[in-house]
PDB file of N, CA and C in Angstrom:
ATOM      1  N   MET A   1     -12.028  -0.367   6.542  1.00  0.00           N
ATOM      2  CA  MET A   1     -11.048  -0.846   7.523  1.00  0.00           C
ATOM      3  C   MET A   1      -9.810  -1.407   6.828  1.00  0.00           C
ATOM      4  N   PHE A   2     -10.043  -2.295   5.872  1.00  0.00           N
ATOM      5  CA  PHE A   2      -8.932  -2.912   5.154  1.00  0.00           C
ATOM      6  C   PHE A   2      -8.162  -1.877   4.348  1.00  0.00           C
ATOM      7  N   CYS A   3      -8.861  -0.873   3.878  1.00  0.00           N
ATOM      8  CA  CYS A   3      -8.208   0.189   3.106  1.00  0.00           C
ATOM      9  C   CYS A   3      -7.219   0.949   3.987  1.00  0.00           C
ATOM     10  N   GLU A   4      -7.595   1.165   5.224  1.00  0.00           N
ATOM     11  CA  GLU A   4      -6.712   1.847   6.164  1.00  0.00           C
ATOM     12  C   GLU A   4      -5.463   1.009   6.401  1.00  0.00           C
ATOM     13  N   PHE A   5      -5.659  -0.295   6.501  1.00  0.00           N
ATOM     14  CA  PHE A   5      -4.540  -1.216   6.715  1.00  0.00           C
ATOM     15  C   PHE A   5      -3.602  -1.193   5.513  1.00  0.00           C
ATOM     16  N   CYS A   6      -4.176  -1.115   4.319  1.00  0.00           N
ATOM     17  CA  CYS A   6      -3.381  -1.036   3.093  1.00  0.00           C
ATOM     18  C   CYS A   6      -2.548   0.232   3.084  1.00  0.00           C
ATOM     19  N   LYS A   7      -3.156   1.300   3.565  1.00  0.00           N
ATOM     20  CA  LYS A   7      -2.478   2.590   3.592  1.00  0.00           C
ATOM     21  C   LYS A   7      -1.272   2.539   4.529  1.00  0.00           C
ATOM     22  N   ILE A   8      -1.459   1.925   5.680  1.00  0.00           N
ATOM     23  CA  ILE A   8      -0.369   1.783   6.648  1.00  0.00           C
ATOM     24  C   ILE A   8       0.756   0.939   6.054  1.00  0.00           C
ATOM     25  N   LYS A   9       0.395  -0.140   5.409  1.00  0.00           N
ATOM     26  CA  LYS A   9       1.380  -1.018   4.770  1.00  0.00           C
ATOM     27  C   LYS A   9       2.127  -0.251   3.684  1.00  0.00           C
ATOM     28  N   PHE A  10       1.390   0.530   2.947  1.00  0.00           N
ATOM     29  CA  PHE A  10       1.959   1.301   1.850  1.00  0.00           C
ATOM     30  C   PHE A  10       3.040   2.253   2.356  1.00  0.00           C
ATOM     31  N   TYR A  11       2.760   2.927   3.458  1.00  0.00           N
ATOM     32  CA  TYR A  11       3.732   3.869   4.011  1.00  0.00           C
ATOM     33  C   TYR A  11       4.904   3.155   4.677  1.00  0.00           C
ATOM     34  N   SER A  12       4.702   1.917   5.053  1.00  0.00           N
ATOM     35  CA  SER A  12       5.745   1.155   5.745  1.00  0.00           C
ATOM     36  C   SER A  12       6.776   0.572   4.784  1.00  0.00           C
ATOM     37  N   LEU A  13       6.382   0.399   3.533  1.00  0.00           N
ATOM     38  CA  LEU A  13       7.285  -0.227   2.560  1.00  0.00           C
ATOM     39  C   LEU A  13       8.287   0.756   1.971  1.00  0.00           C
ATOM     40  N   ASN A  14       9.290   0.177   1.339  1.00  0.00           N
ATOM     41  CA  ASN A  14      10.318   0.998   0.683  1.00  0.00           C
ATOM     42  C   ASN A  14       9.840   1.460  -0.685  1.00  0.00           C
ATOM     43  N   ASN A  15      10.611   2.330  -1.308  1.00  0.00           N
ATOM     44  CA  ASN A  15      10.255   2.856  -2.627  1.00  0.00           C
ATOM     45  C   ASN A  15      10.186   1.754  -3.675  1.00  0.00           C
ATOM     46  N   ARG A  16      11.019   0.754  -3.496  1.00  0.00           N
ATOM     47  CA  ARG A  16      11.035  -0.357  -4.469  1.00  0.00           C
ATOM     48  C   ARG A  16       9.714  -1.104  -4.456  1.00  0.00           C
ATOM     49  N   GLU A  17       9.208  -1.372  -3.275  1.00  0.00           N
ATOM     50  CA  GLU A  17       7.972  -2.140  -3.154  1.00  0.00           C
ATOM     51  C   GLU A  17       6.742  -1.255  -3.228  1.00  0.00           C
ATOM     52  N   ASN A  18       6.962   0.031  -3.260  1.00  0.00           N
ATOM     53  CA  ASN A  18       5.838   0.972  -3.341  1.00  0.00           C
ATOM     54  C   ASN A  18       4.995   0.732  -4.584  1.00  0.00           C
ATOM     55  N   HIS A  19       5.651   0.372  -5.680  1.00  0.00           N
ATOM     56  CA  HIS A  19       4.939   0.155  -6.938  1.00  0.00           C
ATOM     57  C   HIS A  19       3.934  -0.987  -6.804  1.00  0.00           C
ATOM     58  N   LEU A  20       4.330  -2.046  -6.116  1.00  0.00           N
ATOM     59  CA  LEU A  20       3.435  -3.185  -5.925  1.00  0.00           C
ATOM     60  C   LEU A  20       2.274  -2.808  -5.010  1.00  0.00           C
ATOM     61  N   LEU A  21       2.601  -2.143  -3.907  1.00  0.00           N
ATOM     62  CA  LEU A  21       1.570  -1.768  -2.952  1.00  0.00           C
ATOM     63  C   LEU A  21       0.678  -0.665  -3.507  1.00  0.00           C
ATOM     64  N   LEU A  22       1.241   0.100  -4.431  1.00  0.00           N
ATOM     65  CA  LEU A  22       0.462   1.171  -5.039  1.00  0.00           C
ATOM     66  C   LEU A  22      -0.749   0.593  -5.767  1.00  0.00           C
ATOM     67  N   LEU A  23      -0.536  -0.519  -6.450  1.00  0.00           N
ATOM     68  CA  LEU A  23      -1.632  -1.185  -7.156  1.00  0.00           C
ATOM     69  C   LEU A  23      -2.673  -1.685  -6.168  1.00  0.00           C
ATOM     70  N   ILE A  24      -2.208  -2.296  -5.097  1.00  0.00           N
ATOM     71  CA  ILE A  24      -3.117  -2.815  -4.072  1.00  0.00           C
ATOM     72  C   ILE A  24      -3.854  -1.667  -3.392  1.00  0.00           C
ATOM     73  N   TYR A  25      -3.104  -0.586  -3.157  1.00  0.00           N
ATOM     74  CA  TYR A  25      -3.687   0.588  -2.504  1.00  0.00           C
ATOM     75  C   TYR A  25      -4.827   1.181  -3.338  1.00  0.00           C
ATOM     76  N   TYR A  26      -4.601   1.257  -4.628  1.00  0.00           N
ATOM     77  CA  TYR A  26      -5.632   1.777  -5.524  1.00  0.00           C
ATOM     78  C   TYR A  26      -6.786   0.786  -5.662  1.00  0.00           C
ATOM     79  N   PHE A  27      -6.446  -0.477  -5.591  1.00  0.00           N
ATOM     80  CA  PHE A  27      -7.467  -1.512  -5.728  1.00  0.00           C
ATOM     81  C   PHE A  27      -8.419  -1.513  -4.541  1.00  0.00           C
ATOM     82  N   CYS A  28      -7.896  -1.118  -3.388  1.00  0.00           N
ATOM     83  CA  CYS A  28      -8.722  -1.031  -2.185  1.00  0.00           C
ATOM     84  C   CYS A  28      -9.692   0.142  -2.360  1.00  0.00           C
TER      85      CYS A  28
END
């Protein structure tokens, strides 16, 4: 469930913040 939420957040962010969310996305 939380992984899906991370994925949505990941797609919602800009390219600049993608790098940060990318780590979280992989961590999920």
